[in-house]
Amino acid sequence: MSTTAIPIQPGVAVGSRPAVRKAWIGFAVVVVSAVMDLLDSTISQTAAPDIRRQLGGSYADLEWISAAYTLSMSALMILGSRLGDILGRRRVLLGSLAGFVITSSLCALAPSAGTLIFARVLQGATAAMMVPQGFGLIRELFGDEGQQKAFGIFGPVMGLAAVLGPLAGGGLIALNLLGVGWRAIFVINVPIGLAALAVGRRHLPANPPATPHARLDLPSVALAAGGGFALVYPLIEGRQQGWPAWTFALLAGGMLLIGAFALRQAARMRRGHAPLVEPSILRRRAYVAGLGVVLGFIGAMGGLTLAVNVMYQTGLGFSPLQSGLAGVPIALFAIGGSITSSILLPKIGRTTMHIGLAVMALGLGIVVAVLHAAGGGLSAWDTVGPLALTGFGMGMVFVPMFDVILAGVAPHELGSASGLLESVQQLAMSLGIAGVGTVLFDQAGAGRGAAPFVSATAAALLVAIGLLVAAWVVTWWLPKHARA
């Protein structure tokens, strides 16, 4: 990738009031596109039991409805970031936003579980082109100095969107907009996406591409995509197939493909060719350690959302709206955690993330204890307190996460850094859903009623706690302060 710095519109962050207003409107488009992606990666977990009842399919299909999107996205995210460098971030964002609207329509029209899973793959692919443009566009809109204020808003909004996803899904299904039931979670993307397109055409900066003459390294794209697929596919299908030898071979092959991808990037750099990912970002301690934190934290979030929603709906017989409302304590206290984190971060730096991850793991530990104690007699009220504690810890992590991970990243590295960061987030979500889902459905088996699913959820959440503990350990490799 070229070492040319990202061109910044002069005076946007400190210029006239109309210029500042235009920048914030453009920022709103970036936020909306990111929120649409984040909601679509979590919202379907609330609707999944309802979708399965209507369209049929296995428990593996239920996992794939969520994982197909995040897996497709993680596999192609690096390609999306590279296209932004070559074609221009505004052009790629608007084009992929249009694609996201079209593929959301295909999801809404799906007549079977298999068709929906395929449509989700396409939807994730368009999101992979759309989302990586966000960080670069924020820097283009506000410059190096003004972007900190924008990121201060971006992080909490993303955290809130993540925890409100299940409630939004349940609410849309309960409202039964246009009489389409669960399909409303995809239909809603159409008017929102079209509005974002119209506003983005007027207010996003049309700066020239950072590396307009570079060529795509398609073998590197294939290695990254193949590695991500090989890591997630056997985790979801292995349980259904009885864990045959090919599942373990595929996992090993996935790790080899990821290693081959890294070696190819270094080799292309030595030969003077533009890599998909700048190897220099992998020499930045804050960035590499931050990716490790993301794997554990986002993986635990994805697994938690799947396990709790399946327990409420399949085990306890909740409606999607009731299931979403049961998760409200997470969302409300995540706001409190975000505010607390904003206050503490300038004073204690990375210790904020230590506390947040520990509080989140403690909350989940109490949830597990409550599930064991209540068994088949569990009610939503039993989990209010521990889920609130979990949400508070979650909120504390979201605020500093982007700032810490991107600390010290140079302008010419931003495309690689943001693309790889988003790719790892989506891969973490897929792995979390696959890992926790494997334990959940294996333990639940073909059980009927509340007791089997409550017990299985308790076992599955132990996996999420393990991911949080791993993330907590990795935080000690972060610099003490975000900008250190």
Protein backbone atom coordinates (compact mmCIF):
# COMPACT_ATOMS: atom_id res chain seq x y z
CA MET A 1 0.00 0.00 0.00
CA SER A 2 1.24 3.46 -0.82
CA THR A 3 2.74 5.65 1.86
CA THR A 4 0.75 8.61 0.57
CA ALA A 5 -1.13 10.28 3.39
CA ILE A 6 -4.91 10.44 3.19
CA PRO A 7 -5.84 13.79 1.63
CA ILE A 8 -7.83 15.94 4.03
CA GLN A 9 -10.27 18.60 3.00
CA PRO A 10 -8.62 21.77 4.26
CA GLY A 11 -10.49 23.71 6.89
CA VAL A 12 -13.28 21.20 7.47
CA ALA A 13 -12.56 20.74 11.16
CA VAL A 14 -11.78 24.37 11.93
CA GLY A 15 -13.33 26.29 9.03
CA SER A 16 -16.64 28.02 8.53
CA ARG A 17 -19.83 26.95 10.22
CA PRO A 18 -21.34 25.55 6.96
CA ALA A 19 -18.21 23.42 6.44
CA VAL A 20 -18.38 22.07 9.98
CA ARG A 21 -22.09 21.36 9.59
CA LYS A 22 -21.42 19.53 6.32
CA ALA A 23 -18.74 17.44 8.03
CA TRP A 24 -21.10 16.37 10.83
CA ILE A 25 -23.84 15.48 8.34
CA GLY A 26 -21.32 13.36 6.43
CA PHE A 27 -20.29 11.79 9.74
CA ALA A 28 -23.96 10.90 10.37
CA VAL A 29 -24.00 8.94 7.09
CA VAL A 30 -20.90 6.99 8.19
CA VAL A 31 -22.54 6.25 11.55
CA VAL A 32 -25.80 5.13 9.94
CA SER A 33 -24.00 2.74 7.60
CA ALA A 34 -22.00 1.28 10.51
CA VAL A 35 -25.11 0.96 12.70
CA MET A 36 -27.02 -0.79 9.90
CA ASP A 37 -24.20 -3.32 9.65
CA LEU A 38 -23.95 -3.82 13.40
CA LEU A 39 -27.69 -4.27 13.81
CA ASP A 40 -27.82 -6.78 10.96
CA SER A 41 -25.04 -8.82 12.55
CA THR A 42 -26.97 -9.10 15.85
CA ILE A 43 -30.64 -8.44 15.08
CA SER A 44 -31.14 -11.73 13.24
CA GLN A 45 -30.25 -13.65 16.39
CA THR A 46 -33.44 -12.40 17.99
CA ALA A 47 -35.47 -13.37 14.95
CA ALA A 48 -33.68 -16.69 14.31
CA PRO A 49 -36.06 -18.96 16.30
CA ASP A 50 -39.04 -17.26 14.61
CA ILE A 51 -37.39 -17.69 11.19
CA ARG A 52 -36.74 -21.37 11.87
CA ARG A 53 -40.36 -21.97 12.88
CA GLN A 54 -41.58 -20.41 9.63
CA LEU A 55 -38.95 -21.55 7.14
CA GLY A 56 -37.85 -24.80 8.78
CA GLY A 57 -34.25 -25.99 8.91
CA SER A 58 -31.88 -27.37 11.54
CA TYR A 59 -30.20 -25.76 14.53
CA ALA A 60 -27.12 -25.42 12.32
CA ASP A 61 -29.26 -23.35 9.94
CA LEU A 62 -30.20 -21.16 12.90
CA GLU A 63 -26.51 -20.52 13.59
CA TRP A 64 -25.78 -19.93 9.89
CA ILE A 65 -28.46 -17.23 9.61
CA SER A 66 -26.21 -15.13 11.83
CA ALA A 67 -22.80 -16.56 11.02
CA ALA A 68 -23.19 -16.46 7.21
CA TYR A 69 -23.34 -12.66 7.34
CA THR A 70 -20.39 -12.16 9.68
CA LEU A 71 -18.27 -14.84 8.00
CA SER A 72 -18.79 -13.37 4.52
CA MET A 73 -18.05 -9.94 5.89
CA SER A 74 -14.88 -10.94 7.74
CA ALA A 75 -13.57 -12.82 4.70
CA LEU A 76 -13.96 -9.83 2.36
CA MET A 77 -13.36 -6.89 4.70
CA ILE A 78 -9.70 -6.47 3.79
CA LEU A 79 -10.71 -6.40 0.12
CA GLY A 80 -13.22 -3.66 0.95
CA SER A 81 -10.61 -1.50 2.63
CA ARG A 82 -8.25 -1.92 -0.31
CA LEU A 83 -10.95 -0.95 -2.81
CA GLY A 84 -11.48 2.23 -0.81
CA ASP A 85 -7.80 3.10 -1.27
CA ILE A 86 -7.91 2.39 -5.02
CA LEU A 87 -11.34 3.74 -6.03
CA GLY A 88 -11.99 6.34 -3.32
CA ARG A 89 -13.82 5.85 -0.04
CA ARG A 90 -16.88 7.91 -0.93
CA ARG A 91 -17.46 6.00 -4.17
CA VAL A 92 -17.07 2.59 -2.54
CA LEU A 93 -19.26 3.51 0.46
CA LEU A 94 -22.12 4.76 -1.72
CA GLY A 95 -21.90 1.86 -4.15
CA SER A 96 -21.82 -0.77 -1.43
CA LEU A 97 -24.61 1.00 0.47
CA ALA A 98 -26.78 0.58 -2.62
CA GLY A 99 -25.78 -3.09 -2.71
CA PHE A 100 -26.69 -3.44 0.96
CA VAL A 101 -30.20 -2.14 0.22
CA ILE A 102 -30.62 -4.66 -2.62
CA THR A 103 -29.33 -7.65 -0.66
CA SER A 104 -31.47 -6.69 2.35
CA SER A 105 -34.46 -6.89 0.01
CA LEU A 106 -33.34 -10.37 -1.07
CA CYS A 107 -33.19 -11.44 2.60
CA ALA A 108 -36.70 -10.13 3.18
CA LEU A 109 -38.01 -12.11 0.18
CA ALA A 110 -36.26 -15.40 1.03
CA PRO A 111 -38.67 -18.39 0.72
CA SER A 112 -36.51 -20.92 2.59
CA ALA A 113 -33.77 -21.14 5.21
CA GLY A 114 -31.17 -22.06 2.58
CA THR A 115 -32.12 -19.12 0.38
CA LEU A 116 -31.97 -16.77 3.37
CA ILE A 117 -28.51 -18.01 4.32
CA PHE A 118 -27.30 -17.41 0.74
CA ALA A 119 -28.84 -13.91 0.74
CA ARG A 120 -27.09 -13.23 4.07
CA VAL A 121 -23.77 -14.18 2.45
CA LEU A 122 -24.41 -11.58 -0.26
CA GLN A 123 -25.53 -9.01 2.31
CA GLY A 124 -22.35 -9.58 4.34
CA ALA A 125 -20.26 -9.17 1.19
CA THR A 126 -21.76 -5.72 0.48
CA ALA A 127 -21.26 -4.76 4.12
CA ALA A 128 -17.61 -5.78 3.81
CA MET A 129 -17.19 -3.17 1.08
CA MET A 130 -19.17 -0.52 3.01
CA VAL A 131 -17.94 -0.58 6.58
CA PRO A 132 -14.12 -0.23 6.14
CA GLN A 133 -14.60 3.17 4.51
CA GLY A 134 -15.85 4.66 7.79
CA PHE A 135 -12.59 5.30 9.65
CA GLY A 136 -10.92 6.83 6.59
CA LEU A 137 -13.92 9.05 5.84
CA ILE A 138 -13.98 10.29 9.43
CA ARG A 139 -10.36 11.35 9.07
CA GLU A 140 -11.11 12.98 5.71
CA LEU A 141 -14.06 14.85 7.23
CA PHE A 142 -12.35 16.12 10.40
CA GLY A 143 -8.60 15.86 9.95
CA ASP A 144 -6.13 14.34 12.42
CA GLU A 145 -7.10 16.60 15.30
CA GLY A 146 -10.86 16.77 14.86
CA GLN A 147 -11.29 13.01 14.44
CA GLN A 148 -10.80 12.37 18.17
CA LYS A 149 -14.08 14.09 18.98
CA ALA A 150 -15.83 12.10 16.25
CA PHE A 151 -14.41 8.80 17.53
CA GLY A 152 -15.55 9.80 21.03
CA ILE A 153 -19.10 9.71 19.67
CA PHE A 154 -18.62 6.79 17.28
CA GLY A 155 -17.52 4.24 19.91
CA PRO A 156 -20.45 4.61 22.34
CA VAL A 157 -22.97 4.72 19.48
CA MET A 158 -21.62 1.43 18.15
CA GLY A 159 -21.75 -0.11 21.62
CA LEU A 160 -25.32 1.02 22.14
CA ALA A 161 -26.35 -0.29 18.71
CA ALA A 162 -24.81 -3.67 19.51
CA VAL A 163 -26.73 -4.14 22.74
CA LEU A 164 -29.98 -2.67 21.36
CA GLY A 165 -29.97 -4.99 18.34
CA PRO A 166 -32.08 -7.73 19.99
CA LEU A 167 -34.62 -5.19 21.27
CA ALA A 168 -34.86 -3.55 17.85
CA GLY A 169 -35.40 -6.95 16.24
CA GLY A 170 -38.07 -7.94 18.73
CA GLY A 171 -39.83 -4.60 18.36
CA LEU A 172 -39.90 -4.78 14.55
CA ILE A 173 -41.30 -8.31 14.62
CA ALA A 174 -43.95 -7.37 17.21
CA LEU A 175 -45.02 -4.32 15.20
CA ASN A 176 -45.42 -6.62 12.19
CA LEU A 177 -44.84 -3.77 9.77
CA LEU A 178 -46.74 -4.34 6.52
CA GLY A 179 -47.73 -7.75 7.87
CA VAL A 180 -44.34 -9.28 7.03
CA GLY A 181 -43.34 -10.54 10.50
CA TRP A 182 -39.63 -11.29 10.93
CA ARG A 183 -38.93 -10.00 7.40
CA ALA A 184 -39.31 -6.46 8.76
CA ILE A 185 -35.77 -6.64 10.22
CA PHE A 186 -34.49 -6.62 6.63
CA VAL A 187 -37.16 -4.43 5.05
CA ILE A 188 -36.27 -1.56 7.41
CA ASN A 189 -32.84 -1.31 5.77
CA VAL A 190 -34.39 -0.20 2.49
CA PRO A 191 -35.76 3.27 3.45
CA ILE A 192 -32.87 3.95 5.84
CA GLY A 193 -30.28 2.95 3.24
CA LEU A 194 -31.91 5.01 0.49
CA ALA A 195 -32.01 8.07 2.75
CA ALA A 196 -28.33 7.61 3.68
CA LEU A 197 -27.48 7.33 -0.02
CA ALA A 198 -29.23 10.61 -0.83
CA VAL A 199 -27.54 12.48 2.03
CA GLY A 200 -24.14 10.88 1.41
CA ARG A 201 -24.06 11.98 -2.23
CA ARG A 202 -24.27 15.60 -1.05
CA HIS A 203 -22.18 15.63 2.11
CA LEU A 204 -19.43 13.00 1.91
CA PRO A 205 -16.04 14.31 0.69
CA ALA A 206 -15.10 13.39 -2.87
CA ASN A 207 -11.36 13.27 -2.22
CA PRO A 208 -9.10 11.47 -4.73
CA PRO A 209 -8.16 7.83 -3.94
CA ALA A 210 -5.09 7.27 -1.77
CA THR A 211 -3.55 4.73 -4.21
CA PRO A 212 -5.42 5.11 -7.52
CA HIS A 213 -2.91 3.16 -9.63
CA ALA A 214 -2.49 0.15 -7.34
CA ARG A 215 -3.71 -3.31 -8.35
CA LEU A 216 -5.65 -5.77 -6.24
CA ASP A 217 -3.68 -8.77 -5.01
CA LEU A 218 -6.34 -11.43 -5.67
CA PRO A 219 -4.27 -14.38 -4.31
CA SER A 220 -4.04 -12.53 -0.97
CA VAL A 221 -7.81 -11.97 -1.02
CA ALA A 222 -8.33 -15.69 -1.63
CA LEU A 223 -5.98 -16.66 1.22
CA ALA A 224 -7.71 -14.34 3.70
CA ALA A 225 -11.21 -15.41 2.64
CA GLY A 226 -10.33 -19.10 2.61
CA GLY A 227 -8.68 -18.91 6.02
CA GLY A 228 -11.66 -17.22 7.64
CA PHE A 229 -14.11 -19.71 6.12
CA ALA A 230 -12.01 -22.71 7.13
CA LEU A 231 -11.91 -21.54 10.76
CA VAL A 232 -15.66 -20.99 11.16
CA TYR A 233 -17.35 -23.59 8.92
CA PRO A 234 -16.23 -26.70 10.85
CA LEU A 235 -17.23 -25.15 14.19
CA ILE A 236 -20.82 -24.76 13.01
CA GLU A 237 -21.15 -27.96 10.97
CA GLY A 238 -18.95 -30.17 13.17
CA ARG A 239 -21.57 -30.75 15.85
CA GLN A 240 -24.21 -31.69 13.27
CA GLN A 241 -21.81 -34.15 11.58
CA GLY A 242 -20.46 -35.73 14.79
CA TRP A 243 -17.03 -34.05 14.56
CA PRO A 244 -15.50 -36.11 11.74
CA ALA A 245 -11.79 -35.87 11.00
CA TRP A 246 -12.31 -33.36 8.18
CA THR A 247 -13.52 -30.71 10.63
CA PHE A 248 -10.19 -30.74 12.50
CA ALA A 249 -8.25 -30.86 9.24
CA LEU A 250 -10.16 -27.83 8.00
CA LEU A 251 -9.43 -25.90 11.23
CA ALA A 252 -5.72 -26.66 10.84
CA GLY A 253 -5.90 -25.67 7.18
CA GLY A 254 -7.53 -22.37 8.11
CA MET A 255 -4.66 -21.48 10.41
CA LEU A 256 -2.16 -22.40 7.69
CA LEU A 257 -3.98 -20.18 5.17
CA ILE A 258 -3.92 -17.23 7.57
CA GLY A 259 -0.21 -17.80 8.12
CA ALA A 260 0.36 -17.98 4.36
CA PHE A 261 -1.54 -14.72 3.96
CA ALA A 262 0.74 -12.98 6.48
CA LEU A 263 3.88 -14.32 4.79
CA ARG A 264 2.65 -13.16 1.38
CA GLN A 265 2.07 -9.63 2.68
CA ALA A 266 5.63 -9.44 4.00
CA ALA A 267 7.03 -10.86 0.76
CA ARG A 268 5.13 -8.37 -1.41
CA MET A 269 6.38 -5.54 0.76
CA ARG A 270 9.99 -6.68 0.35
CA ARG A 271 9.56 -6.76 -3.45
CA GLY A 272 8.15 -3.24 -3.48
CA HIS A 273 4.58 -4.32 -4.28
CA ALA A 274 1.53 -2.97 -2.47
CA PRO A 275 0.21 -5.51 0.08
CA LEU A 276 -3.43 -5.85 1.12
CA VAL A 277 -2.33 -5.22 4.70
CA GLU A 278 0.63 -3.03 5.63
CA PRO A 279 2.97 -5.32 7.64
CA SER A 280 4.10 -2.24 9.59
CA ILE A 281 0.81 -2.12 11.53
CA LEU A 282 1.56 -5.56 12.92
CA ARG A 283 4.67 -4.11 14.55
CA ARG A 284 2.55 -1.68 16.58
CA ARG A 285 2.01 -3.11 20.06
CA ALA A 286 -1.24 -1.24 20.74
CA TYR A 287 -2.76 -2.39 17.47
CA VAL A 288 -1.82 -6.08 17.70
CA ALA A 289 -2.82 -6.36 21.36
CA GLY A 290 -6.05 -4.53 20.56
CA LEU A 291 -6.92 -7.11 17.91
CA GLY A 292 -6.51 -9.81 20.56
CA VAL A 293 -8.87 -7.94 22.88
CA VAL A 294 -11.40 -7.64 20.04
CA LEU A 295 -11.30 -11.40 19.38
CA GLY A 296 -12.21 -12.17 22.98
CA PHE A 297 -14.60 -9.30 23.68
CA ILE A 298 -16.62 -9.34 20.44
CA GLY A 299 -16.62 -13.14 20.40
CA ALA A 300 -18.11 -13.19 23.89
CA MET A 301 -20.73 -10.61 22.86
CA GLY A 302 -21.82 -12.63 19.83
CA GLY A 303 -22.02 -15.85 21.82
CA LEU A 304 -23.91 -14.18 24.68
CA THR A 305 -26.54 -12.71 22.35
CA LEU A 306 -27.16 -16.03 20.61
CA ALA A 307 -27.30 -18.11 23.80
CA VAL A 308 -29.61 -15.80 25.75
CA ASN A 309 -32.03 -15.28 22.84
CA VAL A 310 -32.30 -19.00 22.12
CA MET A 311 -32.87 -19.73 25.80
CA TYR A 312 -35.60 -17.10 26.14
CA GLN A 313 -37.44 -17.99 22.94
CA THR A 314 -36.88 -21.72 22.42
CA GLY A 315 -36.55 -22.66 26.08
CA LEU A 316 -38.90 -20.28 27.90
CA GLY A 317 -41.28 -19.60 25.03
CA PHE A 318 -40.78 -15.82 24.92
CA SER A 319 -41.84 -13.83 21.88
CA PRO A 320 -39.06 -11.95 20.03
CA LEU A 321 -40.23 -8.70 21.67
CA GLN A 322 -40.24 -10.25 25.15
CA SER A 323 -36.77 -11.63 24.47
CA GLY A 324 -35.58 -8.18 23.38
CA LEU A 325 -37.10 -6.55 26.46
CA ALA A 326 -35.36 -9.09 28.70
CA GLY A 327 -32.08 -7.74 27.34
CA VAL A 328 -32.92 -4.09 28.10
CA PRO A 329 -30.84 -4.12 31.34
CA ILE A 330 -27.76 -4.76 29.20
CA ALA A 331 -28.49 -1.75 26.99
CA LEU A 332 -29.40 0.65 29.79
CA PHE A 333 -26.41 -0.14 31.95
CA ALA A 334 -24.10 -0.17 28.93
CA ILE A 335 -24.88 3.55 28.64
CA GLY A 336 -23.84 4.02 32.26
CA GLY A 337 -20.67 2.01 31.62
CA SER A 338 -19.85 4.18 28.60
CA ILE A 339 -20.23 7.38 30.62
CA THR A 340 -18.10 5.98 33.43
CA SER A 341 -15.44 4.88 30.97
CA SER A 342 -15.32 8.33 29.34
CA ILE A 343 -14.60 9.85 32.75
CA LEU A 344 -12.00 7.28 33.81
CA LEU A 345 -10.11 6.81 30.54
CA PRO A 346 -8.07 10.07 30.68
CA LYS A 347 -7.13 9.31 34.29
CA ILE A 348 -6.34 5.59 34.38
CA GLY A 349 -5.91 4.64 30.71
CA ARG A 350 -5.99 0.93 29.86
CA THR A 351 -7.08 0.09 33.43
CA THR A 352 -10.53 1.18 32.25
CA MET A 353 -10.61 -1.82 29.93
CA HIS A 354 -9.28 -4.11 32.68
CA ILE A 355 -12.18 -3.09 34.91
CA GLY A 356 -14.77 -3.33 32.15
CA LEU A 357 -13.79 -6.84 31.06
CA ALA A 358 -13.62 -8.03 34.68
CA VAL A 359 -17.07 -6.59 35.48
CA MET A 360 -18.55 -8.13 32.32
CA ALA A 361 -17.08 -11.56 33.16
CA LEU A 362 -18.35 -11.26 36.75
CA GLY A 363 -21.83 -10.43 35.51
CA LEU A 364 -21.86 -13.48 33.22
CA GLY A 365 -20.56 -15.63 36.08
CA ILE A 366 -23.53 -14.57 38.21
CA VAL A 367 -25.86 -15.29 35.26
CA VAL A 368 -24.48 -18.84 35.14
CA ALA A 369 -25.02 -19.27 38.89
CA VAL A 370 -28.60 -17.98 38.60
CA LEU A 371 -29.34 -20.37 35.72
CA HIS A 372 -28.07 -23.34 37.72
CA ALA A 373 -30.13 -22.32 40.75
CA ALA A 374 -33.38 -21.59 38.89
CA GLY A 375 -33.34 -24.44 36.37
CA GLY A 376 -36.62 -24.88 34.52
CA GLY A 377 -38.31 -22.33 36.80
CA LEU A 378 -36.23 -19.44 35.45
CA SER A 379 -37.96 -16.13 34.75
CA ALA A 380 -36.63 -13.01 33.03
CA TRP A 381 -36.61 -11.19 36.38
CA ASP A 382 -34.01 -13.62 37.72
CA THR A 383 -31.43 -12.38 35.23
CA VAL A 384 -32.09 -8.61 35.41
CA GLY A 385 -29.37 -7.84 37.96
CA PRO A 386 -26.50 -9.91 36.52
CA LEU A 387 -27.30 -8.86 32.95
CA ALA A 388 -27.25 -5.21 34.06
CA LEU A 389 -23.79 -5.79 35.56
CA THR A 390 -22.71 -7.48 32.32
CA GLY A 391 -23.95 -4.51 30.28
CA PHE A 392 -22.13 -2.02 32.50
CA GLY A 393 -18.83 -3.81 31.93
CA MET A 394 -19.55 -4.04 28.20
CA GLY A 395 -20.10 -0.28 28.00
CA MET A 396 -16.81 0.39 29.77
CA VAL A 397 -14.92 -1.54 27.09
CA PHE A 398 -16.56 0.00 24.03
CA VAL A 399 -15.53 3.61 24.67
CA PRO A 400 -11.73 3.16 24.77
CA MET A 401 -11.52 0.24 22.36
CA PHE A 402 -11.25 2.11 19.03
CA ASP A 403 -9.01 4.83 20.44
CA VAL A 404 -6.59 2.36 22.01
CA ILE A 405 -6.40 0.05 19.01
CA LEU A 406 -5.82 2.86 16.49
CA ALA A 407 -3.33 4.68 18.70
CA GLY A 408 -0.26 5.67 16.69
CA VAL A 409 -1.53 4.33 13.34
CA ALA A 410 -0.05 6.48 10.56
CA PRO A 411 -2.30 7.99 7.86
CA HIS A 412 -0.98 5.67 5.13
CA GLU A 413 -1.70 2.67 7.38
CA LEU A 414 -5.28 3.62 8.16
CA GLY A 415 -6.86 1.69 5.27
CA SER A 416 -5.07 -1.51 6.31
CA ALA A 417 -5.64 -0.90 10.01
CA SER A 418 -9.35 -0.21 9.72
CA GLY A 419 -9.96 -3.05 7.25
CA LEU A 420 -8.12 -5.61 9.37
CA LEU A 421 -9.77 -4.31 12.56
CA GLU A 422 -13.26 -4.64 11.10
CA SER A 423 -12.39 -8.03 9.62
CA VAL A 424 -11.21 -9.32 13.00
CA GLN A 425 -14.37 -7.97 14.66
CA GLN A 426 -16.57 -9.89 12.24
CA LEU A 427 -14.43 -13.01 12.47
CA ALA A 428 -14.65 -12.76 16.27
CA MET A 429 -18.43 -12.50 16.06
CA SER A 430 -18.56 -15.58 13.80
CA LEU A 431 -16.22 -17.57 16.04
CA GLY A 432 -18.15 -16.53 19.16
CA ILE A 433 -21.48 -17.58 17.65
CA ALA A 434 -19.98 -20.84 16.39
CA GLY A 435 -18.13 -21.72 19.61
CA VAL A 436 -20.90 -20.81 22.05
CA GLY A 437 -23.58 -22.18 19.70
CA THR A 438 -21.79 -25.51 19.44
CA VAL A 439 -21.83 -25.95 23.22
CA LEU A 440 -25.39 -24.60 23.51
CA PHE A 441 -27.02 -26.91 20.96
CA ASP A 442 -24.86 -29.90 21.87
CA GLN A 443 -25.91 -29.61 25.53
CA ALA A 444 -29.56 -28.89 24.73
CA GLY A 445 -29.82 -31.77 22.26
CA ALA A 446 -33.40 -32.48 21.32
CA GLY A 447 -34.67 -31.43 24.74
CA ARG A 448 -38.10 -29.88 25.13
CA GLY A 449 -39.13 -27.26 27.65
CA ALA A 450 -37.13 -24.81 29.71
CA ALA A 451 -34.81 -27.00 31.77
CA PRO A 452 -32.58 -28.38 28.96
CA PHE A 453 -32.08 -24.94 27.39
CA VAL A 454 -31.40 -23.20 30.72
CA SER A 455 -28.78 -25.82 31.58
CA ALA A 456 -27.27 -25.65 28.09
CA THR A 457 -27.12 -21.84 28.22
CA ALA A 458 -25.23 -21.99 31.52
CA ALA A 459 -22.64 -24.28 29.93
CA ALA A 460 -22.42 -22.14 26.78
CA LEU A 461 -21.88 -18.91 28.75
CA LEU A 462 -18.80 -20.46 30.35
CA VAL A 463 -17.25 -20.31 26.87
CA ALA A 464 -18.08 -16.59 26.68
CA ILE A 465 -16.50 -16.04 30.11
CA GLY A 466 -13.36 -17.82 28.91
CA LEU A 467 -13.15 -15.46 25.93
CA LEU A 468 -13.44 -12.45 28.24
CA VAL A 469 -10.70 -13.77 30.52
CA ALA A 470 -8.42 -14.21 27.49
CA ALA A 471 -9.19 -10.64 26.38
CA TRP A 472 -8.44 -9.35 29.91
CA VAL A 473 -5.03 -11.03 29.85
CA VAL A 474 -4.19 -9.45 26.48
CA THR A 475 -5.04 -5.94 27.72
CA TRP A 476 -1.81 -5.97 29.74
CA TRP A 477 0.09 -5.68 26.43
CA LEU A 478 -1.70 -2.46 25.58
CA PRO A 479 0.04 0.87 26.26
CA LYS A 480 -1.08 2.36 29.56
CA HIS A 481 -2.75 5.31 27.84
CA ALA A 482 -4.52 5.34 24.48
CA ARG A 483 -2.14 7.84 22.88
CA ALA A 484 1.01 6.50 24.54
